[in-house]
Amino acid sequence: MTIVTRRLLLVPYNYSLQSEFLMLNCCVKNRAEMNGPHTVSSAKQLFQHVLSDESLHARAVLDSYNREYIGHLFISDLYGEPELGFIFDKAYWGKGIALEALSAFVPKAMRERKLTSIKSAVNRHHIAASRVLEKMGFEFVCEKHDALGSYKEYQFTSDVVEDETSQYETLAW
């Protein structure tokens, strides 16, 4: 299902978005804070994963004015420890696009997938991503270190995951 915001369309992935997805994920600057760029081959594998993995909830982010592909949102590991990830084209950085997209995506995805919490990890030096998560209500959990460097882990916990039919049942009394 498509999610519409003031400036964006968040749409399910299909094969027509493959080339834009590859360009986004092979760009050195776009992925500078995400463990570096993918090769074309690894980006193609990732795209196939996005299309076929049932434990992944992903949306392509399009500019609602010109339908240009500008980013990628996902929650991975839906059946384990769900983790939020996001990447946007460098041309759209600093314009509030990430916050707008995530503010629409996260609550809807959590409702649809009946999730009570999700985590997100960001590079320790990626201040913009940390601010977006904090504005979304994510809480800083800890700083960790792995083979790729230091990162911050955030957690968001929803008070209630409500079944959409229960909304209508309470109105129908």
N, C-alpha and C. Protein backbone atom coordinates (compact mmCIF):
# COMPACT_ATOMS: atom_id res chain seq x y z
N MET A 1 0.83 -1.17 0.00
CA MET A 1 0.00 0.00 0.00
C MET A 1 0.89 1.25 0.00
N THR A 2 0.52 2.22 -0.77
CA THR A 2 1.25 3.48 -0.87
C THR A 2 0.91 4.38 0.31
N ILE A 3 1.92 5.05 0.83
CA ILE A 3 1.75 6.04 1.89
C ILE A 3 2.06 7.39 1.27
N VAL A 4 1.17 8.36 1.49
CA VAL A 4 1.33 9.69 0.90
C VAL A 4 1.55 10.71 2.01
N THR A 5 2.58 11.55 1.85
CA THR A 5 2.80 12.67 2.75
C THR A 5 2.74 13.95 1.93
N ARG A 6 3.04 15.06 2.55
CA ARG A 6 2.98 16.34 1.85
C ARG A 6 3.89 16.38 0.62
N ARG A 7 5.10 15.81 0.75
CA ARG A 7 6.07 15.88 -0.35
C ARG A 7 6.47 14.53 -0.92
N LEU A 8 6.00 13.44 -0.32
CA LEU A 8 6.54 12.13 -0.66
C LEU A 8 5.48 11.09 -0.94
N LEU A 9 5.89 10.08 -1.69
CA LEU A 9 5.13 8.85 -1.87
C LEU A 9 6.02 7.72 -1.39
N LEU A 10 5.51 6.86 -0.51
CA LEU A 10 6.25 5.69 -0.05
C LEU A 10 5.55 4.50 -0.67
N VAL A 11 6.22 3.86 -1.62
CA VAL A 11 5.58 2.83 -2.42
C VAL A 11 6.28 1.48 -2.25
N PRO A 12 5.52 0.39 -2.37
CA PRO A 12 6.15 -0.94 -2.35
C PRO A 12 7.09 -1.07 -3.55
N TYR A 13 8.11 -1.86 -3.39
CA TYR A 13 9.08 -2.05 -4.46
C TYR A 13 8.54 -2.95 -5.56
N ASN A 14 8.99 -2.68 -6.80
CA ASN A 14 8.78 -3.55 -7.95
C ASN A 14 10.00 -3.42 -8.84
N TYR A 15 10.08 -4.24 -9.86
CA TYR A 15 11.27 -4.27 -10.72
C TYR A 15 11.57 -2.95 -11.42
N SER A 16 10.57 -2.12 -11.62
CA SER A 16 10.81 -0.84 -12.32
C SER A 16 11.71 0.10 -11.51
N LEU A 17 11.89 -0.16 -10.23
CA LEU A 17 12.71 0.71 -9.38
C LEU A 17 14.14 0.20 -9.21
N GLN A 18 14.48 -0.89 -9.88
CA GLN A 18 15.79 -1.50 -9.68
C GLN A 18 16.95 -0.56 -10.02
N SER A 19 16.93 0.09 -11.16
CA SER A 19 18.09 0.91 -11.54
C SER A 19 18.30 2.07 -10.58
N GLU A 20 17.23 2.69 -10.11
CA GLU A 20 17.36 3.78 -9.14
C GLU A 20 17.90 3.27 -7.81
N PHE A 21 17.43 2.10 -7.40
CA PHE A 21 17.92 1.48 -6.16
C PHE A 21 19.42 1.20 -6.26
N LEU A 22 19.84 0.69 -7.41
CA LEU A 22 21.26 0.40 -7.62
C LEU A 22 22.10 1.67 -7.56
N MET A 23 21.64 2.72 -8.21
CA MET A 23 22.39 3.98 -8.20
C MET A 23 22.51 4.54 -6.78
N LEU A 24 21.43 4.49 -6.02
CA LEU A 24 21.45 4.99 -4.64
C LEU A 24 22.46 4.22 -3.80
N ASN A 25 22.46 2.91 -3.93
CA ASN A 25 23.28 2.06 -3.07
C ASN A 25 24.71 1.85 -3.55
N CYS A 26 25.01 2.27 -4.78
CA CYS A 26 26.39 2.18 -5.27
C CYS A 26 27.12 3.51 -5.14
N CYS A 27 26.43 4.54 -4.72
CA CYS A 27 27.02 5.87 -4.60
C CYS A 27 27.86 5.98 -3.32
N VAL A 28 29.11 6.37 -3.48
CA VAL A 28 30.03 6.49 -2.35
C VAL A 28 29.51 7.50 -1.33
N LYS A 29 29.04 8.64 -1.78
CA LYS A 29 28.59 9.70 -0.86
C LYS A 29 27.30 9.31 -0.15
N ASN A 30 26.34 8.74 -0.89
CA ASN A 30 25.07 8.33 -0.26
C ASN A 30 25.30 7.32 0.86
N ARG A 31 26.25 6.42 0.65
CA ARG A 31 26.47 5.34 1.61
C ARG A 31 27.69 5.57 2.52
N ALA A 32 28.18 6.79 2.58
CA ALA A 32 29.37 7.08 3.36
C ALA A 32 29.19 6.70 4.83
N GLU A 33 28.01 6.84 5.37
CA GLU A 33 27.74 6.52 6.78
C GLU A 33 27.07 5.16 6.95
N MET A 34 27.08 4.36 5.88
CA MET A 34 26.43 3.04 5.92
C MET A 34 27.40 1.95 5.50
N ASN A 35 28.60 1.99 6.00
CA ASN A 35 29.62 0.97 5.73
C ASN A 35 30.06 0.94 4.28
N GLY A 36 29.92 2.05 3.58
CA GLY A 36 30.43 2.16 2.23
C GLY A 36 29.47 1.69 1.16
N PRO A 37 29.82 1.97 -0.10
CA PRO A 37 28.93 1.64 -1.22
C PRO A 37 28.93 0.15 -1.53
N HIS A 38 27.85 -0.28 -2.14
CA HIS A 38 27.75 -1.63 -2.68
C HIS A 38 28.37 -1.65 -4.07
N THR A 39 28.80 -2.82 -4.50
CA THR A 39 29.13 -3.02 -5.90
C THR A 39 27.80 -3.19 -6.63
N VAL A 40 27.82 -3.10 -7.94
CA VAL A 40 26.58 -3.31 -8.70
C VAL A 40 26.03 -4.70 -8.42
N SER A 41 26.90 -5.68 -8.38
CA SER A 41 26.48 -7.06 -8.13
C SER A 41 25.85 -7.21 -6.75
N SER A 42 26.47 -6.66 -5.71
CA SER A 42 25.90 -6.80 -4.37
C SER A 42 24.62 -5.98 -4.21
N ALA A 43 24.53 -4.84 -4.91
CA ALA A 43 23.30 -4.04 -4.88
C ALA A 43 22.16 -4.78 -5.57
N LYS A 44 22.46 -5.50 -6.65
CA LYS A 44 21.43 -6.31 -7.32
C LYS A 44 20.93 -7.42 -6.39
N GLN A 45 21.86 -8.06 -5.68
CA GLN A 45 21.45 -9.09 -4.72
C GLN A 45 20.59 -8.49 -3.62
N LEU A 46 20.97 -7.31 -3.15
CA LEU A 46 20.18 -6.63 -2.11
C LEU A 46 18.79 -6.30 -2.63
N PHE A 47 18.69 -5.85 -3.87
CA PHE A 47 17.38 -5.54 -4.45
C PHE A 47 16.51 -6.79 -4.53
N GLN A 48 17.08 -7.90 -4.94
CA GLN A 48 16.32 -9.16 -4.97
C GLN A 48 15.83 -9.54 -3.58
N HIS A 49 16.68 -9.29 -2.59
CA HIS A 49 16.32 -9.54 -1.19
C HIS A 49 15.12 -8.66 -0.78
N VAL A 50 15.15 -7.39 -1.18
CA VAL A 50 14.06 -6.46 -0.87
C VAL A 50 12.75 -6.96 -1.48
N LEU A 51 12.82 -7.50 -2.70
CA LEU A 51 11.61 -7.96 -3.37
C LEU A 51 11.06 -9.27 -2.80
N SER A 52 11.93 -10.13 -2.28
CA SER A 52 11.49 -11.48 -1.97
C SER A 52 11.49 -11.88 -0.50
N ASP A 53 12.18 -11.16 0.36
CA ASP A 53 12.32 -11.57 1.76
C ASP A 53 11.08 -11.20 2.56
N GLU A 54 10.41 -12.21 3.08
CA GLU A 54 9.19 -12.00 3.87
C GLU A 54 9.47 -11.37 5.23
N SER A 55 10.73 -11.43 5.69
CA SER A 55 11.07 -10.85 6.99
C SER A 55 11.55 -9.41 6.86
N LEU A 56 11.26 -8.78 5.72
CA LEU A 56 11.66 -7.41 5.44
C LEU A 56 10.45 -6.61 5.00
N HIS A 57 10.27 -5.44 5.59
CA HIS A 57 9.20 -4.53 5.21
C HIS A 57 9.88 -3.28 4.65
N ALA A 58 9.77 -3.04 3.34
CA ALA A 58 10.51 -1.95 2.71
C ALA A 58 9.61 -1.09 1.83
N ARG A 59 9.99 0.16 1.70
CA ARG A 59 9.30 1.09 0.81
C ARG A 59 10.34 1.95 0.08
N ALA A 60 10.04 2.22 -1.18
CA ALA A 60 10.80 3.18 -1.96
C ALA A 60 10.20 4.55 -1.68
N VAL A 61 11.04 5.56 -1.59
CA VAL A 61 10.58 6.92 -1.33
C VAL A 61 10.70 7.71 -2.63
N LEU A 62 9.57 8.25 -3.08
CA LEU A 62 9.52 9.03 -4.31
C LEU A 62 9.11 10.46 -4.00
N ASP A 63 9.64 11.40 -4.76
CA ASP A 63 9.20 12.78 -4.68
C ASP A 63 7.79 12.84 -5.26
N SER A 64 6.83 13.34 -4.52
CA SER A 64 5.44 13.32 -5.00
C SER A 64 5.22 14.27 -6.18
N TYR A 65 6.08 15.26 -6.34
CA TYR A 65 5.92 16.20 -7.44
C TYR A 65 6.37 15.61 -8.78
N ASN A 66 7.58 15.03 -8.81
CA ASN A 66 8.12 14.55 -10.08
C ASN A 66 8.31 13.03 -10.14
N ARG A 67 7.94 12.33 -9.09
CA ARG A 67 8.03 10.86 -8.98
C ARG A 67 9.47 10.35 -9.03
N GLU A 68 10.44 11.21 -8.75
CA GLU A 68 11.84 10.82 -8.73
C GLU A 68 12.11 9.96 -7.50
N TYR A 69 12.87 8.90 -7.70
CA TYR A 69 13.27 8.01 -6.60
C TYR A 69 14.31 8.73 -5.76
N ILE A 70 14.04 8.87 -4.44
CA ILE A 70 14.97 9.63 -3.60
C ILE A 70 15.46 8.87 -2.37
N GLY A 71 14.89 7.69 -2.09
CA GLY A 71 15.38 6.99 -0.91
C GLY A 71 14.74 5.64 -0.69
N HIS A 72 15.19 5.04 0.39
CA HIS A 72 14.82 3.66 0.73
C HIS A 72 14.62 3.56 2.23
N LEU A 73 13.51 2.96 2.65
CA LEU A 73 13.20 2.72 4.06
C LEU A 73 12.95 1.23 4.24
N PHE A 74 13.36 0.69 5.38
CA PHE A 74 13.09 -0.73 5.62
C PHE A 74 13.12 -1.05 7.10
N ILE A 75 12.39 -2.09 7.43
CA ILE A 75 12.52 -2.74 8.73
C ILE A 75 12.86 -4.18 8.41
N SER A 76 14.04 -4.60 8.87
CA SER A 76 14.50 -5.97 8.62
C SER A 76 14.28 -6.83 9.85
N ASP A 77 14.46 -8.13 9.67
CA ASP A 77 14.38 -9.10 10.77
C ASP A 77 13.05 -8.99 11.53
N LEU A 78 11.95 -8.96 10.78
CA LEU A 78 10.62 -8.79 11.39
C LEU A 78 10.27 -9.88 12.39
N TYR A 79 10.82 -11.06 12.23
CA TYR A 79 10.46 -12.19 13.09
C TYR A 79 11.47 -12.41 14.21
N GLY A 80 12.48 -11.55 14.29
CA GLY A 80 13.49 -11.62 15.34
C GLY A 80 13.50 -10.31 16.11
N GLU A 81 14.59 -9.55 15.89
CA GLU A 81 14.70 -8.21 16.48
C GLU A 81 14.59 -7.19 15.35
N PRO A 82 13.41 -6.66 15.09
CA PRO A 82 13.22 -5.74 13.98
C PRO A 82 14.15 -4.53 14.06
N GLU A 83 14.75 -4.21 12.89
CA GLU A 83 15.68 -3.09 12.83
C GLU A 83 15.34 -2.17 11.67
N LEU A 84 15.24 -0.88 11.98
CA LEU A 84 14.93 0.15 11.00
C LEU A 84 16.20 0.63 10.32
N GLY A 85 16.12 0.81 9.01
CA GLY A 85 17.20 1.39 8.25
C GLY A 85 16.65 2.36 7.21
N PHE A 86 17.46 3.33 6.83
CA PHE A 86 17.02 4.30 5.83
C PHE A 86 18.22 4.91 5.14
N ILE A 87 18.02 5.26 3.87
CA ILE A 87 19.06 5.93 3.08
C ILE A 87 18.35 6.83 2.08
N PHE A 88 18.92 8.04 1.91
CA PHE A 88 18.36 9.01 0.97
C PHE A 88 19.46 9.53 0.07
N ASP A 89 19.07 9.91 -1.14
CA ASP A 89 20.00 10.49 -2.08
C ASP A 89 20.54 11.81 -1.51
N LYS A 90 21.83 12.03 -1.72
CA LYS A 90 22.52 13.20 -1.17
C LYS A 90 21.86 14.52 -1.58
N ALA A 91 21.19 14.57 -2.71
CA ALA A 91 20.53 15.80 -3.17
C ALA A 91 19.37 16.19 -2.25
N TYR A 92 18.91 15.27 -1.41
CA TYR A 92 17.76 15.53 -0.55
C TYR A 92 18.13 15.64 0.92
N TRP A 93 19.40 15.62 1.24
CA TRP A 93 19.84 15.73 2.62
C TRP A 93 19.55 17.14 3.15
N GLY A 94 19.26 17.23 4.44
CA GLY A 94 19.09 18.51 5.10
C GLY A 94 17.79 19.23 4.79
N LYS A 95 16.81 18.52 4.25
CA LYS A 95 15.54 19.14 3.86
C LYS A 95 14.34 18.59 4.65
N GLY A 96 14.60 17.77 5.65
CA GLY A 96 13.52 17.21 6.45
C GLY A 96 12.83 16.01 5.81
N ILE A 97 13.39 15.52 4.71
CA ILE A 97 12.78 14.41 3.99
C ILE A 97 12.79 13.13 4.82
N ALA A 98 13.91 12.82 5.47
CA ALA A 98 14.00 11.59 6.26
C ALA A 98 12.97 11.59 7.38
N LEU A 99 12.86 12.70 8.10
CA LEU A 99 11.89 12.77 9.19
C LEU A 99 10.46 12.64 8.66
N GLU A 100 10.16 13.30 7.57
CA GLU A 100 8.81 13.21 6.98
C GLU A 100 8.49 11.78 6.57
N ALA A 101 9.43 11.14 5.89
CA ALA A 101 9.21 9.77 5.41
C ALA A 101 9.07 8.79 6.59
N LEU A 102 9.99 8.87 7.53
CA LEU A 102 9.97 7.94 8.66
C LEU A 102 8.77 8.16 9.57
N SER A 103 8.33 9.41 9.71
CA SER A 103 7.16 9.70 10.54
C SER A 103 5.89 9.06 9.98
N ALA A 104 5.86 8.86 8.68
CA ALA A 104 4.72 8.18 8.05
C ALA A 104 4.92 6.67 8.03
N PHE A 105 6.15 6.24 7.78
CA PHE A 105 6.46 4.83 7.59
C PHE A 105 6.44 4.02 8.89
N VAL A 106 7.12 4.48 9.91
CA VAL A 106 7.31 3.68 11.12
C VAL A 106 6.00 3.33 11.81
N PRO A 107 5.12 4.28 12.12
CA PRO A 107 3.87 3.89 12.81
C PRO A 107 3.01 2.92 11.99
N LYS A 108 2.94 3.16 10.68
CA LYS A 108 2.12 2.28 9.82
C LYS A 108 2.72 0.89 9.75
N ALA A 109 4.03 0.80 9.58
CA ALA A 109 4.69 -0.50 9.51
C ALA A 109 4.55 -1.25 10.83
N MET A 110 4.68 -0.54 11.94
CA MET A 110 4.54 -1.20 13.25
C MET A 110 3.12 -1.73 13.43
N ARG A 111 2.13 -0.96 13.01
CA ARG A 111 0.73 -1.42 13.10
C ARG A 111 0.50 -2.63 12.20
N GLU A 112 0.90 -2.52 10.93
CA GLU A 112 0.68 -3.60 9.97
C GLU A 112 1.36 -4.89 10.39
N ARG A 113 2.57 -4.77 10.91
CA ARG A 113 3.36 -5.95 11.27
C ARG A 113 3.23 -6.34 12.75
N LYS A 114 2.38 -5.58 13.47
CA LYS A 114 2.13 -5.86 14.89
C LYS A 114 3.43 -5.90 15.71
N LEU A 115 4.25 -4.88 15.49
CA LEU A 115 5.51 -4.77 16.20
C LEU A 115 5.35 -3.87 17.42
N THR A 116 5.99 -4.22 18.51
CA THR A 116 5.94 -3.37 19.70
C THR A 116 7.21 -2.56 19.87
N SER A 117 8.30 -2.99 19.25
CA SER A 117 9.53 -2.21 19.33
C SER A 117 10.41 -2.50 18.10
N ILE A 118 11.23 -1.51 17.78
CA ILE A 118 12.22 -1.66 16.73
C ILE A 118 13.50 -0.95 17.17
N LYS A 119 14.60 -1.43 16.66
CA LYS A 119 15.87 -0.78 16.97
C LYS A 119 16.43 -0.18 15.69
N SER A 120 17.43 0.66 15.85
CA SER A 120 18.11 1.22 14.70
C SER A 120 19.55 1.51 15.11
N ALA A 121 20.47 1.28 14.21
CA ALA A 121 21.89 1.53 14.48
C ALA A 121 22.39 2.56 13.48
N VAL A 122 23.14 3.54 13.98
CA VAL A 122 23.72 4.56 13.11
C VAL A 122 25.18 4.76 13.46
N ASN A 123 25.96 5.09 12.45
CA ASN A 123 27.36 5.39 12.64
C ASN A 123 27.49 6.44 13.74
N ARG A 124 28.46 6.26 14.59
CA ARG A 124 28.66 7.14 15.75
C ARG A 124 28.77 8.62 15.35
N HIS A 125 29.32 8.89 14.19
CA HIS A 125 29.55 10.27 13.75
C HIS A 125 28.42 10.81 12.87
N HIS A 126 27.39 10.03 12.65
CA HIS A 126 26.29 10.46 11.76
C HIS A 126 25.25 11.21 12.59
N ILE A 127 25.55 12.46 12.86
CA ILE A 127 24.72 13.29 13.74
C ILE A 127 23.32 13.48 13.17
N ALA A 128 23.19 13.68 11.87
CA ALA A 128 21.88 13.91 11.26
C ALA A 128 20.96 12.72 11.46
N ALA A 129 21.46 11.50 11.24
CA ALA A 129 20.63 10.31 11.43
C ALA A 129 20.23 10.15 12.90
N SER A 130 21.16 10.43 13.80
CA SER A 130 20.84 10.35 15.24
C SER A 130 19.74 11.33 15.59
N ARG A 131 19.82 12.54 15.06
CA ARG A 131 18.78 13.55 15.34
C ARG A 131 17.42 13.13 14.81
N VAL A 132 17.40 12.56 13.62
CA VAL A 132 16.14 12.10 13.05
C VAL A 132 15.51 11.05 13.97
N LEU A 133 16.31 10.08 14.39
CA LEU A 133 15.78 9.03 15.27
C LEU A 133 15.29 9.61 16.59
N GLU A 134 16.02 10.54 17.16
CA GLU A 134 15.60 11.15 18.42
C GLU A 134 14.31 11.93 18.25
N LYS A 135 14.16 12.66 17.14
CA LYS A 135 12.91 13.37 16.87
C LYS A 135 11.74 12.41 16.70
N MET A 136 12.03 11.21 16.23
CA MET A 136 11.00 10.18 16.05
C MET A 136 10.60 9.53 17.37
N GLY A 137 11.34 9.78 18.43
CA GLY A 137 11.04 9.17 19.72
C GLY A 137 11.91 7.97 20.06
N PHE A 138 12.90 7.69 19.24
CA PHE A 138 13.84 6.61 19.55
C PHE A 138 14.71 7.06 20.71
N GLU A 139 15.04 6.13 21.57
CA GLU A 139 15.91 6.42 22.70
C GLU A 139 17.27 5.78 22.50
N PHE A 140 18.31 6.53 22.84
CA PHE A 140 19.66 6.01 22.77
C PHE A 140 19.81 4.88 23.78
N VAL A 141 20.34 3.73 23.33
CA VAL A 141 20.52 2.57 24.19
C VAL A 141 21.98 2.44 24.61
N CYS A 142 22.87 2.41 23.63
CA CYS A 142 24.28 2.24 23.94
C CYS A 142 25.12 2.50 22.69
N GLU A 143 26.41 2.58 22.91
CA GLU A 143 27.34 2.66 21.80
C GLU A 143 28.05 1.32 21.71
N LYS A 144 28.19 0.81 20.50
CA LYS A 144 28.83 -0.48 20.27
C LYS A 144 29.94 -0.32 19.24
N HIS A 145 30.73 -1.35 19.13
CA HIS A 145 31.82 -1.35 18.17
C HIS A 145 31.89 -2.73 17.51
N ASP A 146 32.04 -2.73 16.19
CA ASP A 146 32.24 -3.98 15.47
C ASP A 146 33.37 -3.80 14.47
N ALA A 147 33.54 -4.73 13.57
CA ALA A 147 34.63 -4.68 12.60
C ALA A 147 34.56 -3.45 11.70
N LEU A 148 33.38 -2.88 11.54
CA LEU A 148 33.21 -1.72 10.66
C LEU A 148 33.33 -0.39 11.40
N GLY A 149 33.44 -0.42 12.73
CA GLY A 149 33.59 0.81 13.50
C GLY A 149 32.58 0.95 14.61
N SER A 150 32.54 2.13 15.19
CA SER A 150 31.62 2.42 16.30
C SER A 150 30.27 2.86 15.77
N TYR A 151 29.23 2.47 16.49
CA TYR A 151 27.89 2.89 16.13
C TYR A 151 27.03 3.05 17.37
N LYS A 152 25.97 3.83 17.21
CA LYS A 152 25.01 4.05 18.28
C LYS A 152 23.79 3.18 18.01
N GLU A 153 23.28 2.58 19.06
CA GLU A 153 22.05 1.80 18.93
C GLU A 153 20.91 2.54 19.61
N TYR A 154 19.80 2.63 18.90
CA TYR A 154 18.60 3.29 19.39
C TYR A 154 17.46 2.28 19.45
N GLN A 155 16.46 2.57 20.27
CA GLN A 155 15.31 1.68 20.43
C GLN A 155 14.04 2.53 20.47
N PHE A 156 13.02 2.07 19.78
CA PHE A 156 11.70 2.70 19.85
C PHE A 156 10.72 1.65 20.33
N THR A 157 9.95 1.98 21.35
CA THR A 157 8.95 1.07 21.87
C THR A 157 7.59 1.75 21.79
N SER A 158 6.66 1.07 21.17
CA SER A 158 5.30 1.58 21.04
C SER A 158 4.50 1.18 22.27
N ASP A 159 3.67 2.09 22.74
CA ASP A 159 2.82 1.78 23.88
C ASP A 159 1.78 0.74 23.53
N VAL A 160 1.21 0.85 22.32
CA VAL A 160 0.11 -0.02 21.91
C VAL A 160 0.26 -0.36 20.44
N VAL A 161 0.05 -1.61 20.12
CA VAL A 161 -0.09 -2.02 18.73
C VAL A 161 -1.54 -2.39 18.57
N GLU A 162 -2.26 -1.58 17.82
CA GLU A 162 -3.71 -1.72 17.75
C GLU A 162 -4.12 -2.36 16.44
N ASP A 163 -5.00 -3.31 16.53
CA ASP A 163 -5.58 -3.92 15.34
C ASP A 163 -6.55 -2.90 14.74
N GLU A 164 -6.45 -2.65 13.44
CA GLU A 164 -7.30 -1.64 12.81
C GLU A 164 -8.79 -1.93 12.99
N THR A 165 -9.17 -3.21 13.05
CA THR A 165 -10.59 -3.52 13.22
C THR A 165 -11.06 -3.13 14.61
N SER A 166 -10.17 -3.15 15.61
CA SER A 166 -10.59 -2.78 16.96
C SER A 166 -10.94 -1.30 17.03
N GLN A 167 -10.35 -0.46 16.16
CA GLN A 167 -10.70 0.95 16.13
C GLN A 167 -12.17 1.12 15.78
N TYR A 168 -12.61 0.36 14.79
CA TYR A 168 -13.98 0.49 14.32
C TYR A 168 -14.97 -0.17 15.29
N GLU A 169 -14.56 -1.22 15.95
CA GLU A 169 -15.44 -1.87 16.92
C GLU A 169 -15.75 -0.92 18.08
N THR A 170 -14.78 -0.13 18.52
CA THR A 170 -15.04 0.77 19.64
C THR A 170 -15.93 1.93 19.20
N LEU A 171 -15.90 2.28 17.92
CA LEU A 171 -16.75 3.35 17.43
C LEU A 171 -18.19 2.88 17.18
N ALA A 172 -18.38 1.60 17.04
CA ALA A 172 -19.69 1.07 16.65
C ALA A 172 -20.59 0.74 17.83
N TRP A 173 -20.19 0.98 19.05
CA TRP A 173 -20.97 0.59 20.23
C TRP A 173 -22.35 1.06 20.10
